PDB file of N, CA and C in Angstrom:
ATOM      1  N   MET A   1       0.842  -1.173   0.000  1.00  0.00           N
ATOM      2  CA  MET A   1       0.000   0.000   0.000  1.00  0.00           C
ATOM      3  C   MET A   1       0.890   1.241   0.000  1.00  0.00           C
ATOM      4  N   ALA A   2       0.587   2.199  -0.858  1.00  0.00           N
ATOM      5  CA  ALA A   2       1.371   3.426  -0.972  1.00  0.00           C
ATOM      6  C   ALA A   2       1.090   4.358   0.205  1.00  0.00           C
ATOM      7  N   THR A   3       2.108   5.096   0.604  1.00  0.00           N
ATOM      8  CA  THR A   3       1.978   6.074   1.682  1.00  0.00           C
ATOM      9  C   THR A   3       1.922   7.466   1.078  1.00  0.00           C
ATOM     10  N   THR A   4       0.956   8.254   1.486  1.00  0.00           N
ATOM     11  CA  THR A   4       0.841   9.636   1.026  1.00  0.00           C
ATOM     12  C   THR A   4       1.194  10.557   2.180  1.00  0.00           C
ATOM     13  N   LEU A   5       2.163  11.435   1.973  1.00  0.00           N
ATOM     14  CA  LEU A   5       2.550  12.416   2.974  1.00  0.00           C
ATOM     15  C   LEU A   5       1.875  13.742   2.642  1.00  0.00           C
ATOM     16  N   VAL A   6       1.323  14.363   3.652  1.00  0.00           N
ATOM     17  CA  VAL A   6       0.625  15.631   3.474  1.00  0.00           C
ATOM     18  C   VAL A   6       1.349  16.689   4.296  1.00  0.00           C
ATOM     19  N   ASN A   7       1.669  17.802   3.671  1.00  0.00           N
ATOM     20  CA  ASN A   7       2.333  18.907   4.352  1.00  0.00           C
ATOM     21  C   ASN A   7       1.273  19.733   5.087  1.00  0.00           C
ATOM     22  N   PRO A   8       1.341  19.842   6.421  1.00  0.00           N
ATOM     23  CA  PRO A   8       0.315  20.584   7.177  1.00  0.00           C
ATOM     24  C   PRO A   8       0.526  22.102   7.160  1.00  0.00           C
ATOM     25  N   LEU A   9       1.608  22.540   6.554  1.00  0.00           N
ATOM     26  CA  LEU A   9       1.887  23.978   6.545  1.00  0.00           C
ATOM     27  C   LEU A   9       1.088  24.694   5.472  1.00  0.00           C
ATOM     28  N   ASP A  10       0.745  25.923   5.749  1.00  0.00           N
ATOM     29  CA  ASP A  10       0.070  26.764   4.772  1.00  0.00           C
ATOM     30  C   ASP A  10       1.130  27.293   3.817  1.00  0.00           C
ATOM     31  N   GLU A  11       1.088  26.886   2.589  1.00  0.00           N
ATOM     32  CA  GLU A  11       2.128  27.264   1.633  1.00  0.00           C
ATOM     33  C   GLU A  11       1.770  28.512   0.830  1.00  0.00           C
ATOM     34  N   ARG A  12       0.622  29.103   1.114  1.00  0.00           N
ATOM     35  CA  ARG A  12       0.249  30.332   0.412  1.00  0.00           C
ATOM     36  C   ARG A  12       1.140  31.473   0.870  1.00  0.00           C
ATOM     37  N   ASP A  13       1.378  32.433  -0.009  1.00  0.00           N
ATOM     38  CA  ASP A  13       2.122  33.629   0.368  1.00  0.00           C
ATOM     39  C   ASP A  13       1.230  34.511   1.223  1.00  0.00           C
ATOM     40  N   PRO A  14       1.751  34.990   2.370  1.00  0.00           N
ATOM     41  CA  PRO A  14       0.927  35.859   3.213  1.00  0.00           C
ATOM     42  C   PRO A  14       0.689  37.195   2.506  1.00  0.00           C
ATOM     43  N   PRO A  15      -0.423  37.845   2.796  1.00  0.00           N
ATOM     44  CA  PRO A  15      -0.673  39.143   2.165  1.00  0.00           C
ATOM     45  C   PRO A  15       0.362  40.164   2.629  1.00  0.00           C
ATOM     46  N   ALA A  16       0.694  41.071   1.740  1.00  0.00           N
ATOM     47  CA  ALA A  16       1.663  42.117   2.077  1.00  0.00           C
ATOM     48  C   ALA A  16       1.054  43.045   3.111  1.00  0.00           C
ATOM     49  N   GLY A  17       1.856  43.511   4.000  1.00  0.00           N
ATOM     50  CA  GLY A  17       1.377  44.426   5.025  1.00  0.00           C
ATOM     51  C   GLY A  17       2.557  45.088   5.698  1.00  0.00           C
ATOM     52  N   SER A  18       2.274  45.921   6.642  1.00  0.00           N
ATOM     53  CA  SER A  18       3.344  46.574   7.379  1.00  0.00           C
ATOM     54  C   SER A  18       3.090  46.401   8.871  1.00  0.00           C
ATOM     55  N   VAL A  19       4.150  46.442   9.610  1.00  0.00           N
ATOM     56  CA  VAL A  19       4.066  46.316  11.060  1.00  0.00           C
ATOM     57  C   VAL A  19       3.734  47.696  11.627  1.00  0.00           C
ATOM     58  N   PRO A  20       2.723  47.779  12.489  1.00  0.00           N
ATOM     59  CA  PRO A  20       2.406  49.091  13.072  1.00  0.00           C
ATOM     60  C   PRO A  20       3.544  49.591  13.949  1.00  0.00           C
ATOM     61  N   ALA A  21       3.630  50.877  14.091  1.00  0.00           N
ATOM     62  CA  ALA A  21       4.656  51.472  14.946  1.00  0.00           C
ATOM     63  C   ALA A  21       4.444  51.044  16.393  1.00  0.00           C
ATOM     64  N   ARG A  22       5.532  50.824  17.100  1.00  0.00           N
ATOM     65  CA  ARG A  22       5.466  50.470  18.519  1.00  0.00           C
ATOM     66  C   ARG A  22       4.966  51.661  19.323  1.00  0.00           C
ATOM     67  N   LEU A  23       4.124  51.402  20.304  1.00  0.00           N
ATOM     68  CA  LEU A  23       3.637  52.478  21.163  1.00  0.00           C
ATOM     69  C   LEU A  23       4.803  53.029  21.986  1.00  0.00           C
ATOM     70  N   ALA A  24       4.891  54.340  22.080  1.00  0.00           N
ATOM     71  CA  ALA A  24       5.952  54.954  22.876  1.00  0.00           C
ATOM     72  C   ALA A  24       5.720  54.726  24.363  1.00  0.00           C
ATOM     73  N   THR A  25       4.450  54.663  24.755  1.00  0.00           N
ATOM     74  CA  THR A  25       4.082  54.445  26.151  1.00  0.00           C
ATOM     75  C   THR A  25       2.700  53.790  26.198  1.00  0.00           C
ATOM     76  N   LEU A  26       2.426  53.131  27.288  1.00  0.00           N
ATOM     77  CA  LEU A  26       1.089  52.576  27.504  1.00  0.00           C
ATOM     78  C   LEU A  26       0.227  53.528  28.334  1.00  0.00           C
ATOM     79  N   GLN A  27       0.848  54.567  28.879  1.00  0.00           N
ATOM     80  CA  GLN A  27       0.155  55.545  29.711  1.00  0.00           C
ATOM     81  C   GLN A  27      -1.065  56.098  28.972  1.00  0.00           C
ATOM     82  N   SER A  28      -2.228  56.036  29.613  1.00  0.00           N
ATOM     83  CA  SER A  28      -3.500  56.559  29.084  1.00  0.00           C
ATOM     84  C   SER A  28      -3.967  55.870  27.802  1.00  0.00           C
ATOM     85  N   SER A  29      -3.455  54.686  27.529  1.00  0.00           N
ATOM     86  CA  SER A  29      -3.859  53.981  26.309  1.00  0.00           C
ATOM     87  C   SER A  29      -5.049  53.053  26.561  1.00  0.00           C
ATOM     88  N   ARG A  30      -5.659  52.633  25.468  1.00  0.00           N
ATOM     89  CA  ARG A  30      -6.797  51.693  25.494  1.00  0.00           C
ATOM     90  C   ARG A  30      -6.276  50.399  24.873  1.00  0.00           C
ATOM     91  N   ILE A  31      -6.288  49.320  25.653  1.00  0.00           N
ATOM     92  CA  ILE A  31      -5.733  48.045  25.228  1.00  0.00           C
ATOM     93  C   ILE A  31      -6.844  47.000  25.163  1.00  0.00           C
ATOM     94  N   ALA A  32      -6.897  46.264  24.070  1.00  0.00           N
ATOM     95  CA  ALA A  32      -7.855  45.166  23.933  1.00  0.00           C
ATOM     96  C   ALA A  32      -7.147  43.862  24.269  1.00  0.00           C
ATOM     97  N   LEU A  33      -7.799  43.024  25.056  1.00  0.00           N
ATOM     98  CA  LEU A  33      -7.283  41.704  25.395  1.00  0.00           C
ATOM     99  C   LEU A  33      -8.193  40.672  24.754  1.00  0.00           C
ATOM    100  N   LEU A  34      -7.609  39.772  23.978  1.00  0.00           N
ATOM    101  CA  LEU A  34      -8.368  38.735  23.291  1.00  0.00           C
ATOM    102  C   LEU A  34      -8.070  37.385  23.922  1.00  0.00           C
ATOM    103  N   ASP A  35      -9.069  36.815  24.554  1.00  0.00           N
ATOM    104  CA  ASP A  35      -8.965  35.485  25.163  1.00  0.00           C
ATOM    105  C   ASP A  35      -9.308  34.463  24.085  1.00  0.00           C
ATOM    106  N   ILE A  36      -8.394  33.543  23.801  1.00  0.00           N
ATOM    107  CA  ILE A  36      -8.665  32.569  22.743  1.00  0.00           C
ATOM    108  C   ILE A  36      -9.440  31.364  23.269  1.00  0.00           C
ATOM    109  N   SER A  37      -9.847  31.397  24.519  1.00  0.00           N
ATOM    110  CA  SER A  37     -10.692  30.380  25.149  1.00  0.00           C
ATOM    111  C   SER A  37      -9.983  29.073  25.453  1.00  0.00           C
ATOM    112  N   LYS A  38      -8.691  29.157  25.727  1.00  0.00           N
ATOM    113  CA  LYS A  38      -7.984  27.977  26.229  1.00  0.00           C
ATOM    114  C   LYS A  38      -8.066  28.032  27.753  1.00  0.00           C
ATOM    115  N   PRO A  39      -8.006  26.874  28.400  1.00  0.00           N
ATOM    116  CA  PRO A  39      -8.076  26.866  29.862  1.00  0.00           C
ATOM    117  C   PRO A  39      -6.987  27.738  30.491  1.00  0.00           C
ATOM    118  N   GLY A  40      -7.367  28.562  31.418  1.00  0.00           N
ATOM    119  CA  GLY A  40      -6.429  29.426  32.127  1.00  0.00           C
ATOM    120  C   GLY A  40      -6.239  30.788  31.487  1.00  0.00           C
ATOM    121  N   GLY A  41      -6.728  30.972  30.285  1.00  0.00           N
ATOM    122  CA  GLY A  41      -6.529  32.246  29.600  1.00  0.00           C
ATOM    123  C   GLY A  41      -7.146  33.418  30.331  1.00  0.00           C
ATOM    124  N   SER A  42      -8.342  33.246  30.857  1.00  0.00           N
ATOM    125  CA  SER A  42      -9.004  34.355  31.545  1.00  0.00           C
ATOM    126  C   SER A  42      -8.282  34.712  32.844  1.00  0.00           C
ATOM    127  N   ILE A  43      -7.706  33.726  33.502  1.00  0.00           N
ATOM    128  CA  ILE A  43      -6.935  33.986  34.731  1.00  0.00           C
ATOM    129  C   ILE A  43      -5.704  34.823  34.397  1.00  0.00           C
ATOM    130  N   PHE A  44      -5.012  34.426  33.330  1.00  0.00           N
ATOM    131  CA  PHE A  44      -3.843  35.180  32.874  1.00  0.00           C
ATOM    132  C   PHE A  44      -4.235  36.614  32.515  1.00  0.00           C
ATOM    133  N   LEU A  45      -5.336  36.769  31.764  1.00  0.00           N
ATOM    134  CA  LEU A  45      -5.745  38.101  31.332  1.00  0.00           C
ATOM    135  C   LEU A  45      -6.217  38.966  32.495  1.00  0.00           C
ATOM    136  N   ASP A  46      -6.844  38.360  33.512  1.00  0.00           N
ATOM    137  CA  ASP A  46      -7.228  39.122  34.704  1.00  0.00           C
ATOM    138  C   ASP A  46      -5.988  39.752  35.338  1.00  0.00           C
ATOM    139  N   ARG A  47      -4.947  38.962  35.482  1.00  0.00           N
ATOM    140  CA  ARG A  47      -3.700  39.449  36.096  1.00  0.00           C
ATOM    141  C   ARG A  47      -3.035  40.487  35.196  1.00  0.00           C
ATOM    142  N   LEU A  48      -3.018  40.223  33.886  1.00  0.00           N
ATOM    143  CA  LEU A  48      -2.407  41.155  32.953  1.00  0.00           C
ATOM    144  C   LEU A  48      -3.139  42.500  32.990  1.00  0.00           C
ATOM    145  N   GLU A  49      -4.460  42.463  33.036  1.00  0.00           N
ATOM    146  CA  GLU A  49      -5.234  43.704  33.123  1.00  0.00           C
ATOM    147  C   GLU A  49      -4.843  44.498  34.359  1.00  0.00           C
ATOM    148  N   SER A  50      -4.726  43.829  35.497  1.00  0.00           N
ATOM    149  CA  SER A  50      -4.328  44.511  36.734  1.00  0.00           C
ATOM    150  C   SER A  50      -2.962  45.169  36.595  1.00  0.00           C
ATOM    151  N   LEU A  51      -2.008  44.432  36.024  1.00  0.00           N
ATOM    152  CA  LEU A  51      -0.656  44.963  35.860  1.00  0.00           C
ATOM    153  C   LEU A  51      -0.607  46.117  34.863  1.00  0.00           C
ATOM    154  N   LEU A  52      -1.341  46.003  33.781  1.00  0.00           N
ATOM    155  CA  LEU A  52      -1.352  47.086  32.788  1.00  0.00           C
ATOM    156  C   LEU A  52      -1.855  48.384  33.396  1.00  0.00           C
ATOM    157  N   LYS A  53      -2.879  48.294  34.223  1.00  0.00           N
ATOM    158  CA  LYS A  53      -3.444  49.493  34.849  1.00  0.00           C
ATOM    159  C   LYS A  53      -2.540  50.022  35.962  1.00  0.00           C
ATOM    160  N   ALA A  54      -2.080  49.123  36.839  1.00  0.00           N
ATOM    161  CA  ALA A  54      -1.307  49.543  38.009  1.00  0.00           C
ATOM    162  C   ALA A  54       0.107  49.998  37.664  1.00  0.00           C
ATOM    163  N   ARG A  55       0.790  49.279  36.806  1.00  0.00           N
ATOM    164  CA  ARG A  55       2.202  49.575  36.517  1.00  0.00           C
ATOM    165  C   ARG A  55       2.430  50.452  35.290  1.00  0.00           C
ATOM    166  N   HIS A  56       1.485  50.437  34.363  1.00  0.00           N
ATOM    167  CA  HIS A  56       1.740  51.126  33.098  1.00  0.00           C
ATOM    168  C   HIS A  56       0.741  52.230  32.779  1.00  0.00           C
ATOM    169  N   GLY A  57      -0.217  52.469  33.673  1.00  0.00           N
ATOM    170  CA  GLY A  57      -1.140  53.579  33.510  1.00  0.00           C
ATOM    171  C   GLY A  57      -2.121  53.441  32.359  1.00  0.00           C
ATOM    172  N   VAL A  58      -2.407  52.203  31.965  1.00  0.00           N
ATOM    173  CA  VAL A  58      -3.397  51.978  30.915  1.00  0.00           C
ATOM    174  C   VAL A  58      -4.744  52.488  31.414  1.00  0.00           C
ATOM    175  N   SER A  59      -5.410  53.287  30.602  1.00  0.00           N
ATOM    176  CA  SER A  59      -6.658  53.898  31.058  1.00  0.00           C
ATOM    177  C   SER A  59      -7.865  52.992  30.893  1.00  0.00           C
ATOM    178  N   GLU A  60      -7.834  52.126  29.867  1.00  0.00           N
ATOM    179  CA  GLU A  60      -8.993  51.271  29.615  1.00  0.00           C
ATOM    180  C   GLU A  60      -8.524  49.937  29.042  1.00  0.00           C
ATOM    181  N   VAL A  61      -9.093  48.857  29.570  1.00  0.00           N
ATOM    182  CA  VAL A  61      -8.833  47.518  29.044  1.00  0.00           C
ATOM    183  C   VAL A  61     -10.150  46.955  28.541  1.00  0.00           C
ATOM    184  N   LEU A  62     -10.153  46.569  27.289  1.00  0.00           N
ATOM    185  CA  LEU A  62     -11.346  46.007  26.648  1.00  0.00           C
ATOM    186  C   LEU A  62     -11.153  44.510  26.533  1.00  0.00           C
ATOM    187  N   ARG A  63     -12.158  43.727  26.890  1.00  0.00           N
ATOM    188  CA  ARG A  63     -12.029  42.271  26.878  1.00  0.00           C
ATOM    189  C   ARG A  63     -12.884  41.646  25.782  1.00  0.00           C
ATOM    190  N   TYR A  64     -12.289  40.739  25.046  1.00  0.00           N
ATOM    191  CA  TYR A  64     -12.964  39.996  23.976  1.00  0.00           C
ATOM    192  C   TYR A  64     -12.576  38.538  24.101  1.00  0.00           C
ATOM    193  N   ALA A  65     -13.398  37.656  23.535  1.00  0.00           N
ATOM    194  CA  ALA A  65     -13.098  36.230  23.592  1.00  0.00           C
ATOM    195  C   ALA A  65     -13.536  35.544  22.305  1.00  0.00           C
ATOM    196  N   LYS A  66     -12.717  34.603  21.874  1.00  0.00           N
ATOM    197  CA  LYS A  66     -13.106  33.733  20.767  1.00  0.00           C
ATOM    198  C   LYS A  66     -14.008  32.649  21.331  1.00  0.00           C
ATOM    199  N   PRO A  67     -14.953  32.135  20.545  1.00  0.00           N
ATOM    200  CA  PRO A  67     -15.804  31.059  21.051  1.00  0.00           C
ATOM    201  C   PRO A  67     -15.043  29.749  21.248  1.00  0.00           C
ATOM    202  N   THR A  68     -13.982  29.531  20.494  1.00  0.00           N
ATOM    203  CA  THR A  68     -13.172  28.318  20.626  1.00  0.00           C
ATOM    204  C   THR A  68     -11.752  28.613  20.177  1.00  0.00           C
ATOM    205  N   PHE A  69     -10.792  27.943  20.807  1.00  0.00           N
ATOM    206  CA  PHE A  69      -9.401  28.151  20.405  1.00  0.00           C
ATOM    207  C   PHE A  69      -9.069  27.426  19.108  1.00  0.00           C
ATOM    208  N   ALA A  70      -9.917  26.499  18.694  1.00  0.00           N
ATOM    209  CA  ALA A  70      -9.619  25.656  17.544  1.00  0.00           C
ATOM    210  C   ALA A  70      -9.814  26.344  16.195  1.00  0.00           C
ATOM    211  N   LYS A  71     -10.440  27.510  16.196  1.00  0.00           N
ATOM    212  CA  LYS A  71     -10.716  28.207  14.935  1.00  0.00           C
ATOM    213  C   LYS A  71     -10.302  29.667  15.053  1.00  0.00           C
ATOM    214  N   PRO A  72     -10.067  30.321  13.915  1.00  0.00           N
ATOM    215  CA  PRO A  72      -9.771  31.751  13.966  1.00  0.00           C
ATOM    216  C   PRO A  72     -10.927  32.536  14.585  1.00  0.00           C
ATOM    217  N   ALA A  73     -10.625  33.711  15.069  1.00  0.00           N
ATOM    218  CA  ALA A  73     -11.665  34.567  15.650  1.00  0.00           C
ATOM    219  C   ALA A  73     -12.708  34.894  14.587  1.00  0.00           C
ATOM    220  N   PRO A  74     -13.987  34.798  14.932  1.00  0.00           N
ATOM    221  CA  PRO A  74     -15.033  35.147  13.977  1.00  0.00           C
ATOM    222  C   PRO A  74     -14.928  36.615  13.556  1.00  0.00           C
ATOM    223  N   GLU A  75     -15.367  36.898  12.365  1.00  0.00           N
ATOM    224  CA  GLU A  75     -15.306  38.272  11.853  1.00  0.00           C
ATOM    225  C   GLU A  75     -16.032  39.239  12.783  1.00  0.00           C
ATOM    226  N   ALA A  76     -17.104  38.805  13.434  1.00  0.00           N
ATOM    227  CA  ALA A  76     -17.850  39.680  14.350  1.00  0.00           C
ATOM    228  C   ALA A  76     -16.974  40.133  15.521  1.00  0.00           C
ATOM    229  N   VAL A  77     -16.160  39.226  16.057  1.00  0.00           N
ATOM    230  CA  VAL A  77     -15.260  39.570  17.167  1.00  0.00           C
ATOM    231  C   VAL A  77     -14.205  40.557  16.673  1.00  0.00           C
ATOM    232  N   LEU A  78     -13.636  40.289  15.507  1.00  0.00           N
ATOM    233  CA  LEU A  78     -12.624  41.185  14.945  1.00  0.00           C
ATOM    234  C   LEU A  78     -13.224  42.561  14.649  1.00  0.00           C
ATOM    235  N   ALA A  79     -14.442  42.581  14.156  1.00  0.00           N
ATOM    236  CA  ALA A  79     -15.115  43.849  13.866  1.00  0.00           C
ATOM    237  C   ALA A  79     -15.344  44.646  15.155  1.00  0.00           C
ATOM    238  N   ASP A  80     -15.724  43.961  16.220  1.00  0.00           N
ATOM    239  CA  ASP A  80     -15.919  44.641  17.505  1.00  0.00           C
ATOM    240  C   ASP A  80     -14.617  45.270  17.992  1.00  0.00           C
ATOM    241  N   ILE A  81     -13.518  44.539  17.836  1.00  0.00           N
ATOM    242  CA  ILE A  81     -12.212  45.067  18.254  1.00  0.00           C
ATOM    243  C   ILE A  81     -11.848  46.281  17.405  1.00  0.00           C
ATOM    244  N   ARG A  82     -12.002  46.169  16.089  1.00  0.00           N
ATOM    245  CA  ARG A  82     -11.683  47.303  15.202  1.00  0.00           C
ATOM    246  C   ARG A  82     -12.537  48.519  15.537  1.00  0.00           C
ATOM    247  N   GLU A  83     -13.816  48.294  15.790  1.00  0.00           N
ATOM    248  CA  GLU A  83     -14.735  49.394  16.104  1.00  0.00           C
ATOM    249  C   GLU A  83     -14.325  50.123  17.381  1.00  0.00           C
ATOM    250  N   ALA A  84     -13.800  49.393  18.344  1.00  0.00           N
ATOM    251  CA  ALA A  84     -13.374  49.989  19.612  1.00  0.00           C
ATOM    252  C   ALA A  84     -12.114  50.832  19.463  1.00  0.00           C
ATOM    253  N   GLN A  85     -11.390  50.645  18.390  1.00  0.00           N
ATOM    254  CA  GLN A  85     -10.155  51.379  18.093  1.00  0.00           C
ATOM    255  C   GLN A  85      -9.157  51.395  19.249  1.00  0.00           C
ATOM    256  N   PRO A  86      -8.768  50.216  19.732  1.00  0.00           N
ATOM    257  CA  PRO A  86      -7.750  50.183  20.791  1.00  0.00           C
ATOM    258  C   PRO A  86      -6.399  50.621  20.234  1.00  0.00           C
ATOM    259  N   HIS A  87      -5.529  51.046  21.124  1.00  0.00           N
ATOM    260  CA  HIS A  87      -4.161  51.397  20.716  1.00  0.00           C
ATOM    261  C   HIS A  87      -3.345  50.139  20.446  1.00  0.00           C
ATOM    262  N   ALA A  88      -3.723  49.033  21.104  1.00  0.00           N
ATOM    263  CA  ALA A  88      -3.009  47.763  20.916  1.00  0.00           C
ATOM    264  C   ALA A  88      -3.930  46.613  21.296  1.00  0.00           C
ATOM    265  N   VAL A  89      -3.607  45.426  20.780  1.00  0.00           N
ATOM    266  CA  VAL A  89      -4.352  44.198  21.104  1.00  0.00           C
ATOM    267  C   VAL A  89      -3.358  43.171  21.600  1.00  0.00           C
ATOM    268  N   ILE A  90      -3.692  42.516  22.694  1.00  0.00           N
ATOM    269  CA  ILE A  90      -2.879  41.419  23.234  1.00  0.00           C
ATOM    270  C   ILE A  90      -3.736  40.164  23.193  1.00  0.00           C
ATOM    271  N   GLU A  91      -3.198  39.114  22.595  1.00  0.00           N
ATOM    272  CA  GLU A  91      -3.905  37.856  22.480  1.00  0.00           C
ATOM    273  C   GLU A  91      -3.328  36.896  23.521  1.00  0.00           C
ATOM    274  N   ALA A  92      -4.195  36.261  24.308  1.00  0.00           N
ATOM    275  CA  ALA A  92      -3.731  35.397  25.388  1.00  0.00           C
ATOM    276  C   ALA A  92      -3.748  33.935  24.981  1.00  0.00           C
ATOM    277  N   LEU A  93      -2.652  33.276  25.240  1.00  0.00           N
ATOM    278  CA  LEU A  93      -2.544  31.827  25.079  1.00  0.00           C
ATOM    279  C   LEU A  93      -2.264  31.248  26.453  1.00  0.00           C
ATOM    280  N   ALA A  94      -2.931  30.183  26.795  1.00  0.00           N
ATOM    281  CA  ALA A  94      -2.701  29.579  28.109  1.00  0.00           C
ATOM    282  C   ALA A  94      -3.105  28.119  28.071  1.00  0.00           C
ATOM    283  N   ASP A  95      -2.713  27.388  29.052  1.00  0.00           N
ATOM    284  CA  ASP A  95      -3.102  25.994  29.271  1.00  0.00           C
ATOM    285  C   ASP A  95      -2.772  25.601  30.681  1.00  0.00           C
TER     286      ASP A  95
END
């Protein structure tokens, strides 16, 4: 019986884009936190939110969550984040 090997990597060329400029400071900024719904992610983000506010003067933390970690974030979640116009987005991975 013949063996077929399948490459699991995405071989498409990524779309061209540019990296946004790094924030000079987090002071008075609005940061979005995206929980990808892995176990422990919300605990990590709770602590991160506290640290961002206490140590870095972040004025507002916006919380979002994917329905499952197994799939990309739905367009509705991404649209909500874009509409909020945060200065930065942090995506949480945990287990």
